[in-house]
């Protein structure tokens, strides 16, 4: 699909190292690059051995960047900059702990407006990341 050649959906890494930062990559390319959208992104988390997801982060340009609960002061926005037409909702979690292992899901809530608001269309896309946390990195650097 070459309808939006500037956007490539890349999967996130799934192994974090305790006490290090971890980038959770979440990209959702729009099918039509010329159509602007207003996007609100949300991240939810379900710890291992738990059945419930809870919201950990919300972002909407220019004025919403809220982290919740145990993630307060530990999440940094690493996604699309200076635009409300978000295609990358990547976040960086700092000071990763073993309790951060589990399932993460990011949501792209997009509102498209056509003909000066005469037609409004809403879509929701989500991506899921299963994150493991290890004591030390297992990748060797040569």
C-alpha atoms as a PDB file:
ATOM      1  CA  UNK A   1       0.000   0.000   0.000  1.00  0.00           C
ATOM      2  CA  UNK A   2       1.655   3.210  -1.199  1.00  0.00           C
ATOM      3  CA  UNK A   3      -1.210   5.592  -0.404  1.00  0.00           C
ATOM      4  CA  UNK A   4       0.855   7.196   2.371  1.00  0.00           C
ATOM      5  CA  UNK A   5       4.553   6.666   1.501  1.00  0.00           C
ATOM      6  CA  UNK A   6       5.834   8.748   4.457  1.00  0.00           C
ATOM      7  CA  UNK A   7       4.448   6.408   7.124  1.00  0.00           C
ATOM      8  CA  UNK A   8       5.636   2.874   7.911  1.00  0.00           C
ATOM      9  CA  UNK A   9       4.068   0.731  10.640  1.00  0.00           C
ATOM     10  CA  UNK A  10       6.882  -0.865  12.657  1.00  0.00           C
ATOM     11  CA  UNK A  11       6.264  -3.261  15.543  1.00  0.00           C
ATOM     12  CA  UNK A  12       7.488  -2.364  19.006  1.00  0.00           C
ATOM     13  CA  UNK A  13      10.270  -4.133  20.867  1.00  0.00           C
ATOM     14  CA  UNK A  14       8.797  -6.389  23.544  1.00  0.00           C
ATOM     15  CA  UNK A  15      11.651  -6.800  26.056  1.00  0.00           C
ATOM     16  CA  UNK A  16      12.523  -4.091  28.574  1.00  0.00           C
ATOM     17  CA  UNK A  17      15.481  -4.025  30.980  1.00  0.00           C
ATOM     18  CA  UNK A  18      14.768  -3.210  34.623  1.00  0.00           C
ATOM     19  CA  UNK A  19      15.745   0.353  35.674  1.00  0.00           C
ATOM     20  CA  UNK A  20      16.217   1.424  32.019  1.00  0.00           C
ATOM     21  CA  UNK A  21      13.910   3.413  29.732  1.00  0.00           C
ATOM     22  CA  UNK A  22      11.712   1.460  27.293  1.00  0.00           C
ATOM     23  CA  UNK A  23      10.242   2.842  24.099  1.00  0.00           C
ATOM     24  CA  UNK A  24       6.815   1.382  23.338  1.00  0.00           C
ATOM     25  CA  UNK A  25       6.380   1.964  19.609  1.00  0.00           C
ATOM     26  CA  UNK A  26       2.867   2.468  18.294  1.00  0.00           C
ATOM     27  CA  UNK A  27       2.283   3.618  14.703  1.00  0.00           C
ATOM     28  CA  UNK A  28      -0.977   3.711  12.780  1.00  0.00           C
ATOM     29  CA  UNK A  29      -0.709   5.098   9.263  1.00  0.00           C
ATOM     30  CA  UNK A  30      -3.753   6.740   7.778  1.00  0.00           C
ATOM     31  CA  UNK A  31      -4.928   5.331   4.456  1.00  0.00           C
ATOM     32  CA  UNK A  32      -5.173   8.784   2.865  1.00  0.00           C
ATOM     33  CA  UNK A  33      -2.360  11.149   3.771  1.00  0.00           C
ATOM     34  CA  UNK A  34      -4.044  14.208   2.272  1.00  0.00           C
ATOM     35  CA  UNK A  35      -7.021  13.976   4.672  1.00  0.00           C
ATOM     36  CA  UNK A  36      -6.296  15.737   7.981  1.00  0.00           C
ATOM     37  CA  UNK A  37      -7.575  14.230  11.212  1.00  0.00           C
ATOM     38  CA  UNK A  38      -7.861  15.354  14.824  1.00  0.00           C
ATOM     39  CA  UNK A  39      -6.439  12.498  16.887  1.00  0.00           C
ATOM     40  CA  UNK A  40      -6.567  11.695  20.593  1.00  0.00           C
ATOM     41  CA  UNK A  41      -4.324   8.828  21.677  1.00  0.00           C
ATOM     42  CA  UNK A  42      -4.720   6.699  24.785  1.00  0.00           C
ATOM     43  CA  UNK A  43      -2.557   3.996  26.314  1.00  0.00           C
ATOM     44  CA  UNK A  44      -3.935   1.303  28.625  1.00  0.00           C
ATOM     45  CA  UNK A  45      -2.064  -1.364  30.602  1.00  0.00           C
ATOM     46  CA  UNK A  46      -2.954  -4.765  32.061  1.00  0.00           C
ATOM     47  CA  UNK A  47      -0.338  -6.139  34.473  1.00  0.00           C
ATOM     48  CA  UNK A  48       0.563  -9.827  34.221  1.00  0.00           C
ATOM     49  CA  UNK A  49      -1.863 -12.091  36.116  1.00  0.00           C
ATOM     50  CA  UNK A  50      -4.520  -9.359  35.939  1.00  0.00           C
ATOM     51  CA  UNK A  51      -7.791  -9.204  33.989  1.00  0.00           C
ATOM     52  CA  UNK A  52      -8.326  -5.450  33.985  1.00  0.00           C
ATOM     53  CA  UNK A  53      -6.842  -2.798  31.713  1.00  0.00           C
ATOM     54  CA  UNK A  54      -6.452   0.699  33.124  1.00  0.00           C
ATOM     55  CA  UNK A  55      -5.555   3.964  31.452  1.00  0.00           C
ATOM     56  CA  UNK A  56      -1.946   5.044  31.901  1.00  0.00           C
ATOM     57  CA  UNK A  57      -1.576   7.897  29.389  1.00  0.00           C
ATOM     58  CA  UNK A  58      -3.530  10.246  27.165  1.00  0.00           C
ATOM     59  CA  UNK A  59      -2.170  12.639  24.541  1.00  0.00           C
ATOM     60  CA  UNK A  60      -3.761  15.185  22.212  1.00  0.00           C
ATOM     61  CA  UNK A  61      -1.856  18.074  20.641  1.00  0.00           C
ATOM     62  CA  UNK A  62      -1.444  20.804  21.763  1.00  0.00           C
ATOM     63  CA  UNK A  63      -2.590  20.685  25.373  1.00  0.00           C
ATOM     64  CA  UNK A  64      -3.224  17.174  26.694  1.00  0.00           C
ATOM     65  CA  UNK A  65      -0.403  14.952  28.006  1.00  0.00           C
ATOM     66  CA  UNK A  66      -1.557  13.149  31.140  1.00  0.00           C
ATOM     67  CA  UNK A  67       0.024  10.127  32.829  1.00  0.00           C
ATOM     68  CA  UNK A  68      -1.920   8.168  35.429  1.00  0.00           C
ATOM     69  CA  UNK A  69      -1.188   6.072  38.524  1.00  0.00           C
ATOM     70  CA  UNK A  70       2.185   4.322  38.769  1.00  0.00           C
ATOM     71  CA  UNK A  71       3.158   5.831  35.405  1.00  0.00           C
ATOM     72  CA  UNK A  72       2.884   9.451  36.532  1.00  0.00           C
ATOM     73  CA  UNK A  73       6.243  11.230  35.958  1.00  0.00           C
ATOM     74  CA  UNK A  74       7.593   8.155  34.115  1.00  0.00           C
ATOM     75  CA  UNK A  75       6.057   8.523  30.641  1.00  0.00           C
ATOM     76  CA  UNK A  76       7.543  10.723  27.931  1.00  0.00           C
ATOM     77  CA  UNK A  77       5.739  11.376  24.639  1.00  0.00           C
ATOM     78  CA  UNK A  78       7.939  10.169  21.752  1.00  0.00           C
ATOM     79  CA  UNK A  79       5.281  10.259  19.039  1.00  0.00           C
ATOM     80  CA  UNK A  80       4.220  12.752  16.363  1.00  0.00           C
ATOM     81  CA  UNK A  81       5.302  16.304  17.214  1.00  0.00           C
ATOM     82  CA  UNK A  82       3.565  19.643  16.661  1.00  0.00           C
ATOM     83  CA  UNK A  83       0.439  18.192  15.034  1.00  0.00           C
ATOM     84  CA  UNK A  84      -3.053  17.030  15.962  1.00  0.00           C
ATOM     85  CA  UNK A  85      -2.906  14.615  12.995  1.00  0.00           C
ATOM     86  CA  UNK A  86      -1.055  11.914  14.974  1.00  0.00           C
ATOM     87  CA  UNK A  87       0.222   8.797  13.205  1.00  0.00           C
ATOM     88  CA  UNK A  88       2.845   7.797  15.781  1.00  0.00           C
ATOM     89  CA  UNK A  89       1.817   7.441  19.429  1.00  0.00           C
ATOM     90  CA  UNK A  90       5.110   6.041  20.728  1.00  0.00           C
ATOM     91  CA  UNK A  91       5.844   6.605  24.420  1.00  0.00           C
ATOM     92  CA  UNK A  92       8.976   6.074  26.506  1.00  0.00           C
ATOM     93  CA  UNK A  93       8.531   4.547  29.973  1.00  0.00           C
ATOM     94  CA  UNK A  94      11.370   5.536  32.295  1.00  0.00           C
ATOM     95  CA  UNK A  95      12.739   3.510  35.247  1.00  0.00           C
ATOM     96  CA  UNK A  96      11.104   0.271  34.146  1.00  0.00           C
ATOM     97  CA  UNK A  97      10.334  -2.189  36.955  1.00  0.00           C
ATOM     98  CA  UNK A  98       9.247  -5.824  36.935  1.00  0.00           C
ATOM     99  CA  UNK A  99       5.677  -4.678  37.700  1.00  0.00           C
ATOM    100  CA  UNK A 100       5.626  -2.957  34.284  1.00  0.00           C
ATOM    101  CA  UNK A 101       5.506  -6.365  32.542  1.00  0.00           C
ATOM    102  CA  UNK A 102       2.151  -7.078  30.928  1.00  0.00           C
ATOM    103  CA  UNK A 103      -0.065  -6.040  28.047  1.00  0.00           C
ATOM    104  CA  UNK A 104      -0.072  -2.507  26.672  1.00  0.00           C
ATOM    105  CA  UNK A 105      -2.578  -1.238  24.150  1.00  0.00           C
ATOM    106  CA  UNK A 106      -2.530   2.092  22.366  1.00  0.00           C
ATOM    107  CA  UNK A 107      -5.614   3.611  20.758  1.00  0.00           C
ATOM    108  CA  UNK A 108      -5.846   6.148  17.949  1.00  0.00           C
ATOM    109  CA  UNK A 109      -9.209   7.931  18.145  1.00  0.00           C
ATOM    110  CA  UNK A 110      -9.429   9.889  14.876  1.00  0.00           C
ATOM    111  CA  UNK A 111     -12.043  12.392  13.800  1.00  0.00           C
ATOM    112  CA  UNK A 112     -12.070  13.310  10.105  1.00  0.00           C
ATOM    113  CA  UNK A 113     -13.924  16.378   8.926  1.00  0.00           C
ATOM    114  CA  UNK A 114     -14.903  16.835   5.278  1.00  0.00           C
ATOM    115  CA  UNK A 115     -16.358  19.843   3.474  1.00  0.00           C
ATOM    116  CA  UNK A 116     -15.696  22.248   6.355  1.00  0.00           C
ATOM    117  CA  UNK A 117     -17.342  19.986   8.924  1.00  0.00           C
ATOM    118  CA  UNK A 118     -20.378  19.095   6.852  1.00  0.00           C
ATOM    119  CA  UNK A 119     -19.388  15.410   7.116  1.00  0.00           C
ATOM    120  CA  UNK A 120     -17.658  14.014  10.210  1.00  0.00           C
ATOM    121  CA  UNK A 121     -16.249  10.494  10.380  1.00  0.00           C
ATOM    122  CA  UNK A 122     -14.781   8.772  13.467  1.00  0.00           C
ATOM    123  CA  UNK A 123     -12.417   5.785  13.527  1.00  0.00           C
ATOM    124  CA  UNK A 124     -10.623   3.918  16.297  1.00  0.00           C
ATOM    125  CA  UNK A 125      -7.517   1.797  15.745  1.00  0.00           C
ATOM    126  CA  UNK A 126      -5.507  -0.033  18.395  1.00  0.00           C
ATOM    127  CA  UNK A 127      -2.229  -1.921  18.692  1.00  0.00           C
ATOM    128  CA  UNK A 128      -1.256  -4.425  21.390  1.00  0.00           C
ATOM    129  CA  UNK A 129       2.223  -4.956  22.868  1.00  0.00           C
ATOM    130  CA  UNK A 130       3.111  -7.825  25.231  1.00  0.00           C
ATOM    131  CA  UNK A 131       6.034  -6.567  27.324  1.00  0.00           C
ATOM    132  CA  UNK A 132       8.497  -8.701  29.285  1.00  0.00           C
ATOM    133  CA  UNK A 133      10.908  -7.148  31.787  1.00  0.00           C
ATOM    134  CA  UNK A 134      14.323  -8.732  32.392  1.00  0.00           C
ATOM    135  CA  UNK A 135      17.037  -7.994  34.933  1.00  0.00           C
ATOM    136  CA  UNK A 136      19.767  -7.441  32.335  1.00  0.00           C
ATOM    137  CA  UNK A 137      19.750  -6.997  28.565  1.00  0.00           C
ATOM    138  CA  UNK A 138      19.994 -10.233  26.601  1.00  0.00           C
ATOM    139  CA  UNK A 139      21.115  -8.639  23.332  1.00  0.00           C
ATOM    140  CA  UNK A 140      24.861  -8.622  22.845  1.00  0.00           C
ATOM    141  CA  UNK A 141      26.518  -5.554  21.388  1.00  0.00           C
ATOM    142  CA  UNK A 142      29.470  -6.252  19.132  1.00  0.00           C
END
